[in-house]
C-alpha atoms as a PDB file:
ATOM      1  CA  MET A   1      -4.764  -8.453   5.626  1.00  0.00           C
ATOM      2  CA  ARG A   2      -4.717 -11.770   7.434  1.00  0.00           C
ATOM      3  CA  ILE A   3      -2.559 -14.345   5.713  1.00  0.00           C
ATOM      4  CA  ARG A   4      -5.569 -16.581   4.953  1.00  0.00           C
ATOM      5  CA  ALA A   5      -7.194 -13.681   3.093  1.00  0.00           C
ATOM      6  CA  ILE A   6      -4.057 -13.106   1.030  1.00  0.00           C
ATOM      7  CA  ILE A   7      -3.926 -16.647  -0.320  1.00  0.00           C
ATOM      8  CA  GLU A   8      -7.621 -16.455  -1.288  1.00  0.00           C
ATOM      9  CA  LEU A   9      -7.200 -13.309  -3.414  1.00  0.00           C
ATOM     10  CA  LYS A  10      -8.127 -13.470  -7.109  1.00  0.00           C
ATOM     11  CA  LEU A  11      -7.127 -10.960  -9.757  1.00  0.00           C
ATOM     12  CA  GLN A  12     -10.742  -9.794  -9.950  1.00  0.00           C
ATOM     13  CA  ASP A  13     -10.338  -8.623  -6.349  1.00  0.00           C
ATOM     14  CA  LEU A  14      -7.747  -6.052  -7.445  1.00  0.00           C
ATOM     15  CA  VAL A  15      -8.865  -2.821  -9.132  1.00  0.00           C
ATOM     16  CA  ASN A  16      -6.214  -0.363 -10.272  1.00  0.00           C
ATOM     17  CA  VAL A  17      -6.432   3.230  -9.021  1.00  0.00           C
ATOM     18  CA  PRO A  18      -4.011   4.878 -11.494  1.00  0.00           C
ATOM     19  CA  GLU A  19      -4.291   8.360 -10.019  1.00  0.00           C
ATOM     20  CA  TYR A  20      -2.472   7.190  -6.888  1.00  0.00           C
ATOM     21  CA  ASP A  21      -0.679   4.081  -8.235  1.00  0.00           C
ATOM     22  CA  LEU A  22      -2.706   1.878  -5.888  1.00  0.00           C
ATOM     23  CA  TYR A  23      -4.770  -1.265  -6.047  1.00  0.00           C
ATOM     24  CA  ARG A  24      -8.188  -1.260  -4.419  1.00  0.00           C
ATOM     25  CA  VAL A  25      -8.417  -4.702  -2.798  1.00  0.00           C
ATOM     26  CA  THR A  26     -11.645  -6.508  -1.981  1.00  0.00           C
ATOM     27  CA  VAL A  27     -10.897  -8.881   0.882  1.00  0.00           C
ATOM     28  CA  TYR A  28     -13.052 -12.003   1.411  1.00  0.00           C
ATOM     29  CA  SER A  29     -14.977 -10.999  -1.713  1.00  0.00           C
ATOM     30  CA  GLU A  30     -17.191 -14.091  -1.647  1.00  0.00           C
ATOM     31  CA  SER A  31     -18.179 -13.990   2.010  1.00  0.00           C
ATOM     32  CA  GLY A  32     -20.161 -11.876   4.451  1.00  0.00           C
ATOM     33  CA  GLU A  33     -16.883 -10.605   5.954  1.00  0.00           C
ATOM     34  CA  ARG A  34     -16.107  -8.683   2.773  1.00  0.00           C
ATOM     35  CA  TYR A  35     -14.251  -5.384   3.175  1.00  0.00           C
ATOM     36  CA  ILE A  36     -12.104  -2.945   1.175  1.00  0.00           C
ATOM     37  CA  THR A  37      -8.485  -1.938   1.637  1.00  0.00           C
ATOM     38  CA  PHE A  38      -5.666  -0.661  -0.595  1.00  0.00           C
ATOM     39  CA  THR A  39      -2.045  -1.336  -1.493  1.00  0.00           C
ATOM     40  CA  THR A  40       0.768   1.186  -1.385  1.00  0.00           C
ATOM     41  CA  PRO A  41       2.395   2.287  -4.684  1.00  0.00           C
ATOM     42  CA  GLU A  42       5.387   0.186  -3.645  1.00  0.00           C
ATOM     43  CA  ALA A  43       3.263  -2.946  -3.242  1.00  0.00           C
ATOM     44  CA  THR A  44       1.396  -2.192  -6.475  1.00  0.00           C
ATOM     45  CA  LYS A  45       4.672  -2.090  -8.402  1.00  0.00           C
ATOM     46  CA  SER A  46       5.812  -5.388  -6.879  1.00  0.00           C
ATOM     47  CA  ILE A  47       2.515  -7.087  -7.753  1.00  0.00           C
ATOM     48  CA  ASP A  48       2.701  -5.812 -11.350  1.00  0.00           C
ATOM     49  CA  VAL A  49       6.279  -7.087 -11.756  1.00  0.00           C
ATOM     50  CA  TYR A  50       5.253 -10.462 -10.335  1.00  0.00           C
ATOM     51  CA  LEU A  51       2.233 -10.790 -12.647  1.00  0.00           C
ATOM     52  CA  GLU A  52       4.313  -9.819 -15.693  1.00  0.00           C
ATOM     53  CA  TYR A  53       6.812 -12.499 -14.707  1.00  0.00           C
ATOM     54  CA  ARG A  54       4.052 -15.102 -14.694  1.00  0.00           C
ATOM     55  CA  LYS A  55       2.768 -13.971 -18.094  1.00  0.00           C
ATOM     56  CA  ARG A  56       6.254 -14.183 -19.593  1.00  0.00           C
ATOM     57  CA  TYR A  57       6.363 -17.830 -18.532  1.00  0.00           C
ATOM     58  CA  GLY A  58       3.209 -18.542 -20.477  1.00  0.00           C
ATOM     59  CA  GLU A  59       0.488 -18.315 -17.847  1.00  0.00           C
ATOM     60  CA  LYS A  60      -2.815 -16.962 -19.137  1.00  0.00           C
ATOM     61  CA  LEU A  61      -4.102 -14.662 -16.435  1.00  0.00           C
ATOM     62  CA  THR A  62      -7.868 -14.386 -15.972  1.00  0.00           C
ATOM     63  CA  PRO A  63     -10.051 -12.605 -13.391  1.00  0.00           C
ATOM     64  CA  LYS A  64     -10.279 -15.912 -11.523  1.00  0.00           C
ATOM     65  CA  SER A  65      -6.506 -16.437 -11.419  1.00  0.00           C
ATOM     66  CA  PRO A  66      -4.974 -16.368  -7.935  1.00  0.00           C
ATOM     67  CA  VAL A  67      -2.986 -13.229  -7.167  1.00  0.00           C
ATOM     68  CA  PHE A  68      -0.335 -15.399  -5.524  1.00  0.00           C
ATOM     69  CA  ARG A  69       0.199 -18.941  -6.729  1.00  0.00           C
ATOM     70  CA  ASP A  70       2.196 -21.963  -5.690  1.00  0.00           C
ATOM     71  CA  GLN A  71       4.103 -23.693  -8.477  1.00  0.00           C
ATOM     72  CA  PHE A  72       4.668 -22.233 -11.948  1.00  0.00           C
ATOM     73  CA  ASP A  73       2.786 -24.905 -13.835  1.00  0.00           C
ATOM     74  CA  ARG A  74       1.043 -23.235 -16.796  1.00  0.00           C
ATOM     75  CA  ASN A  75      -1.570 -25.978 -16.861  1.00  0.00           C
ATOM     76  CA  ASP A  76      -2.352 -25.862 -13.146  1.00  0.00           C
ATOM     77  CA  PRO A  77      -2.276 -22.337 -11.650  1.00  0.00           C
ATOM     78  CA  ALA A  78      -2.927 -23.439  -8.073  1.00  0.00           C
ATOM     79  CA  SER A  79      -3.345 -20.868  -5.319  1.00  0.00           C
ATOM     80  CA  LEU A  80      -0.593 -20.504  -2.770  1.00  0.00           C
ATOM     81  CA  SER A  81      -1.205 -22.728   0.249  1.00  0.00           C
ATOM     82  CA  LEU A  82      -1.188 -21.356   3.776  1.00  0.00           C
ATOM     83  CA  ARG A  83       1.826 -23.449   4.749  1.00  0.00           C
ATOM     84  CA  ALA A  84       3.772 -22.350   1.658  1.00  0.00           C
ATOM     85  CA  ALA A  85       2.932 -18.684   2.283  1.00  0.00           C
ATOM     86  CA  GLU A  86       4.125 -18.858   5.880  1.00  0.00           C
ATOM     87  CA  ARG A  87       7.309 -20.628   4.781  1.00  0.00           C
ATOM     88  CA  LEU A  88       8.069 -18.006   2.126  1.00  0.00           C
ATOM     89  CA  ILE A  89       7.499 -15.131   4.535  1.00  0.00           C
ATOM     90  CA  SER A  90       9.644 -16.803   7.185  1.00  0.00           C
ATOM     91  CA  ARG A  91      12.531 -17.352   4.777  1.00  0.00           C
ATOM     92  CA  THR A  92      12.322 -13.813   3.440  1.00  0.00           C
ATOM     93  CA  ILE A  93      12.384 -12.060   6.809  1.00  0.00           C
ATOM     94  CA  GLU A  94      15.249 -14.258   7.961  1.00  0.00           C
ATOM     95  CA  LYS A  95      17.298 -13.510   4.834  1.00  0.00           C
ATOM     96  CA  SER A  96      16.609  -9.790   5.217  1.00  0.00           C
ATOM     97  CA  GLY A  97      17.819  -9.836   8.815  1.00  0.00           C
ATOM     98  CA  ILE A  98      14.480  -8.716  10.268  1.00  0.00           C
ATOM     99  CA  ARG A  99      14.279 -11.915  12.290  1.00  0.00           C
ATOM    100  CA  THR A 100      17.215 -13.985  13.438  1.00  0.00           C
ATOM    101  CA  VAL A 101      17.270 -17.771  13.384  1.00  0.00           C
ATOM    102  CA  GLU A 102      17.569 -19.314  16.826  1.00  0.00           C
ATOM    103  CA  ARG A 103      18.913 -22.838  16.891  1.00  0.00           C
ATOM    104  CA  ILE A 104      17.183 -25.399  19.077  1.00  0.00           C
ATOM    105  CA  THR A 105      19.178 -26.501  22.120  1.00  0.00           C
ATOM    106  CA  GLU A 106      18.416 -28.525  25.227  1.00  0.00           C
ATOM    107  CA  LEU A 107      17.696 -25.247  27.045  1.00  0.00           C
ATOM    108  CA  HIS A 108      14.580 -24.553  24.984  1.00  0.00           C
ATOM    109  CA  GLY A 109      12.353 -27.127  26.653  1.00  0.00           C
ATOM    110  CA  GLU A 110      11.208 -30.610  25.843  1.00  0.00           C
ATOM    111  CA  LYS A 111       9.675 -29.814  22.459  1.00  0.00           C
ATOM    112  CA  GLY A 112      12.463 -27.480  21.408  1.00  0.00           C
ATOM    113  CA  LYS A 113       9.999 -24.802  20.315  1.00  0.00           C
ATOM    114  CA  ILE A 114      11.353 -21.256  20.378  1.00  0.00           C
ATOM    115  CA  ARG A 115       8.637 -18.671  20.841  1.00  0.00           C
ATOM    116  CA  LYS A 116       9.012 -15.174  19.400  1.00  0.00           C
ATOM    117  CA  ASN A 117       7.701 -11.985  20.967  1.00  0.00           C
ATOM    118  CA  VAL A 118       5.667 -11.272  17.810  1.00  0.00           C
ATOM    119  CA  ARG A 119       3.951 -13.989  15.784  1.00  0.00           C
ATOM    120  CA  LEU A 120       5.214 -14.374  12.241  1.00  0.00           C
ATOM    121  CA  THR A 121       2.454 -12.647  10.255  1.00  0.00           C
ATOM    122  CA  ALA A 122       0.760 -10.778  13.109  1.00  0.00           C
ATOM    123  CA  GLY A 123       3.762  -8.471  13.213  1.00  0.00           C
ATOM    124  CA  PHE A 124       2.792  -7.001   9.847  1.00  0.00           C
ATOM    125  CA  ARG A 125      -0.713  -6.242  11.083  1.00  0.00           C
ATOM    126  CA  LYS A 126       0.654  -4.657  14.270  1.00  0.00           C
ATOM    127  CA  PHE A 127       2.958  -2.466  12.181  1.00  0.00           C
ATOM    128  CA  PHE A 128       0.054  -1.480   9.905  1.00  0.00           C
ATOM    129  CA  ASP A 129      -2.188  -0.658  12.863  1.00  0.00           C
ATOM    130  CA  THR A 130       0.528   1.445  14.524  1.00  0.00           C
ATOM    131  CA  GLN A 131       1.340   3.420  11.387  1.00  0.00           C
ATOM    132  CA  LEU A 132      -2.336   4.245  10.782  1.00  0.00           C
ATOM    133  CA  ILE A 133      -2.539   5.572  14.323  1.00  0.00           C
ATOM    134  CA  TYR A 134       0.564   7.723  13.731  1.00  0.00           C
ATOM    135  CA  ALA A 135      -1.032   9.021  10.520  1.00  0.00           C
ATOM    136  CA  GLN A 136      -4.207   9.920  12.475  1.00  0.00           C
ATOM    137  CA  VAL A 137      -6.499   7.805  10.307  1.00  0.00           C
ATOM    138  CA  GLU A 138     -10.094   7.989  11.564  1.00  0.00           C
ATOM    139  CA  PRO A 139     -10.324   5.171  14.181  1.00  0.00           C
ATOM    140  CA  ARG A 140     -13.372   3.354  12.795  1.00  0.00           C
ATOM    141  CA  THR A 141     -11.921   3.441   9.271  1.00  0.00           C
ATOM    142  CA  LYS A 142      -8.636   2.077  10.618  1.00  0.00           C
ATOM    143  CA  GLU A 143     -10.498  -0.877  12.084  1.00  0.00           C
ATOM    144  CA  LEU A 144     -12.258  -1.462   8.757  1.00  0.00           C
ATOM    145  CA  PHE A 145      -8.866  -1.686   6.989  1.00  0.00           C
ATOM    146  CA  LEU A 146      -7.917  -4.437   9.428  1.00  0.00           C
ATOM    147  CA  GLY A 147     -11.170  -6.329   8.919  1.00  0.00           C
ATOM    148  CA  HIS A 148     -12.188  -5.769  12.547  1.00  0.00           C
ATOM    149  CA  SER A 149     -15.708  -5.437  13.867  1.00  0.00           C
ATOM    150  CA  ILE A 150     -16.664  -1.931  15.020  1.00  0.00           C
ATOM    151  CA  GLY A 151     -19.707  -2.992  17.047  1.00  0.00           C
ATOM    152  CA  LEU A 152     -23.000  -1.323  16.176  1.00  0.00           C
ATOM    153  CA  ASP A 153     -21.165   0.822  13.645  1.00  0.00           C
ATOM    154  CA  ASP A 154     -20.872  -2.307  11.500  1.00  0.00           C
ATOM    155  CA  HIS A 155     -24.493  -1.551  10.596  1.00  0.00           C
ATOM    156  CA  TYR A 156     -24.521   2.250  10.752  1.00  0.00           C
ATOM    157  CA  PHE A 157     -21.065   3.373   9.620  1.00  0.00           C
ATOM    158  CA  LYS A 158     -21.011   3.051   5.825  1.00  0.00           C
ATOM    159  CA  PRO A 159     -18.387   5.533   4.546  1.00  0.00           C
ATOM    160  CA  GLU A 160     -18.150   6.394   0.857  1.00  0.00           C
ATOM    161  CA  GLU A 161     -15.234   4.887  -1.007  1.00  0.00           C
ATOM    162  CA  ASN A 162     -13.575   8.251  -1.697  1.00  0.00           C
ATOM    163  CA  TYR A 163     -13.619   8.975   2.025  1.00  0.00           C
ATOM    164  CA  VAL A 164     -12.044   5.594   2.783  1.00  0.00           C
ATOM    165  CA  LEU A 165      -9.397   6.108   0.088  1.00  0.00           C
ATOM    166  CA  ASN A 166      -8.475   9.559   1.384  1.00  0.00           C
ATOM    167  CA  GLU A 167      -8.110   8.174   4.907  1.00  0.00           C
ATOM    168  CA  TYR A 168      -5.793   5.462   3.580  1.00  0.00           C
ATOM    169  CA  LEU A 169      -3.716   8.034   1.678  1.00  0.00           C
ATOM    170  CA  ARG A 170      -2.891   9.670   5.003  1.00  0.00           C
ATOM    171  CA  ALA A 171      -0.822   6.617   5.910  1.00  0.00           C
ATOM    172  CA  VAL A 172       0.800   5.713   2.568  1.00  0.00           C
ATOM    173  CA  ASP A 173       4.173   7.285   3.403  1.00  0.00           C
ATOM    174  CA  ASN A 174       4.214   5.587   6.816  1.00  0.00           C
ATOM    175  CA  LEU A 175       3.549   2.213   5.177  1.00  0.00           C
ATOM    176  CA  THR A 176       6.123   2.619   2.402  1.00  0.00           C
ATOM    177  CA  ILE A 177       9.505   1.012   3.046  1.00  0.00           C
ATOM    178  CA  ASN A 178      11.419   2.380   0.058  1.00  0.00           C
ATOM    179  CA  GLU A 179      12.072   6.142  -0.019  1.00  0.00           C
ATOM    180  CA  GLU A 180      11.147   6.359  -3.714  1.00  0.00           C
ATOM    181  CA  ASN A 181       7.496   7.267  -3.132  1.00  0.00           C
ATOM    182  CA  ARG A 182       8.325   9.958  -0.583  1.00  0.00           C
ATOM    183  CA  LEU A 183      11.018  11.443  -2.807  1.00  0.00           C
ATOM    184  CA  ARG A 184       8.686  11.429  -5.813  1.00  0.00           C
ATOM    185  CA  LYS A 185       6.019  13.299  -3.853  1.00  0.00           C
ATOM    186  CA  GLU A 186       8.590  15.808  -2.604  1.00  0.00           C
ATOM    187  CA  LEU A 187       9.773  16.345  -6.189  1.00  0.00           C
ATOM    188  CA  VAL A 188       6.208  17.011  -7.319  1.00  0.00           C
ATOM    189  CA  LYS A 189       5.757  19.538  -4.493  1.00  0.00           C
ATOM    190  CA  LEU A 190       9.045  21.284  -5.292  1.00  0.00           C
ATOM    191  CA  THR A 191       8.225  21.404  -9.004  1.00  0.00           C
ATOM    192  CA  LYS A 192       4.817  22.910  -8.245  1.00  0.00           C
ATOM    193  CA  LYS A 193       6.347  25.447  -5.848  1.00  0.00           C
ATOM    194  CA  ASN A 194       8.992  26.463  -8.401  1.00  0.00           C
ATOM    195  CA  SER A 195       6.317  26.885 -11.056  1.00  0.00           C
ATOM    196  CA  GLU A 196       4.302  29.096  -8.721  1.00  0.00           C
ATOM    197  CA  LEU A 197       7.369  31.205  -7.897  1.00  0.00           C
ATOM    198  CA  GLU A 198       8.224  31.585 -11.583  1.00  0.00           C
ATOM    199  CA  SER A 199       4.641  32.589 -12.301  1.00  0.00           C
ATOM    200  CA  MET A 200       4.753  35.187  -9.528  1.00  0.00           C
ATOM    201  CA  GLU A 201       8.074  36.567 -10.803  1.00  0.00           C
ATOM    202  CA  ILE A 202       6.649  36.898 -14.315  1.00  0.00           C
ATOM    203  CA  LYS A 203       3.566  38.709 -12.973  1.00  0.00           C
ATOM    204  CA  HIS A 204       5.715  41.083 -10.930  1.00  0.00           C
ATOM    205  CA  SER A 205       7.974  41.749 -13.933  1.00  0.00           C
ATOM    206  CA  VAL A 206       5.012  42.457 -16.196  1.00  0.00           C
ATOM    207  CA  ALA A 207       3.441  44.715 -13.557  1.00  0.00           C
ATOM    208  CA  GLY A 208       6.751  46.557 -13.169  1.00  0.00           C
ATOM    209  CA  ILE A 209       7.062  47.079 -16.921  1.00  0.00           C
ATOM    210  CA  ARG A 210       3.522  48.419 -17.066  1.00  0.00           C
ATOM    211  CA  ARG A 211       4.183  50.840 -14.220  1.00  0.00           C
ATOM    212  CA  ASP A 212       7.422  52.046 -15.812  1.00  0.00           C
ATOM    213  CA  THR A 213       5.761  52.419 -19.198  1.00  0.00           C
ATOM    214  CA  GLY A 214       2.798  54.274 -17.704  1.00  0.00           C
ATOM    215  CA  HIS A 215       5.106  56.602 -15.724  1.00  0.00           C
ATOM    216  CA  THR A 216       7.222  57.416 -18.790  1.00  0.00           C
ATOM    217  CA  GLU A 217       4.189  58.100 -20.958  1.00  0.00           C
ATOM    218  CA  GLY A 218       2.669  60.319 -18.275  1.00  0.00           C
ATOM    219  CA  HIS A 219       5.942  62.249 -17.891  1.00  0.00           C
ATOM    220  CA  GLY A 220       6.142  62.709 -21.638  1.00  0.00           C
ATOM    221  CA  VAL A 221       2.625  64.145 -21.797  1.00  0.00           C
END
């Protein structure tokens, strides 16, 4: 999502998809540029923790409440401003070591402005786009997740929501930073495989007992 879309989000724009631990997100819900995307389980968990934090401090959350807000004033739940959002993101990526702080010197030109190879928030969208390509998400659907125009297909390509969700699920592991989601999925697969193996062993054992019993009875007759 573009940063301007993020600060406009209301809680009514988020719909929980419990089967996959995702939020279905309606972007630009009140405009003609409206489109659908999803969060990862990791992002869903972070949003839930953040909203619970706000409720503990006495905020009454409603469908019209902003998903991300500025100051924690219970009587004035103002949406996060664009400038504040950019500042928070900048501070966070600098503290995490993703981006280093370059001090202004006389070598940086008259205005002292240091340009980066990747714009602050555009880097997230580039990462998202790249990971969807790696996950082989259907190209037109990938563009829809980014809120891009797909030419004439804007009018003709109207995929069902389940199709769009399944395309997004292809890329969830690529978009997840923490290993928890991958490990959980691997555990589920291993548990299922072990159950299948145990079931097969039981069937073979029962079949073997039946054969032995039938052989003994036949020999006795």
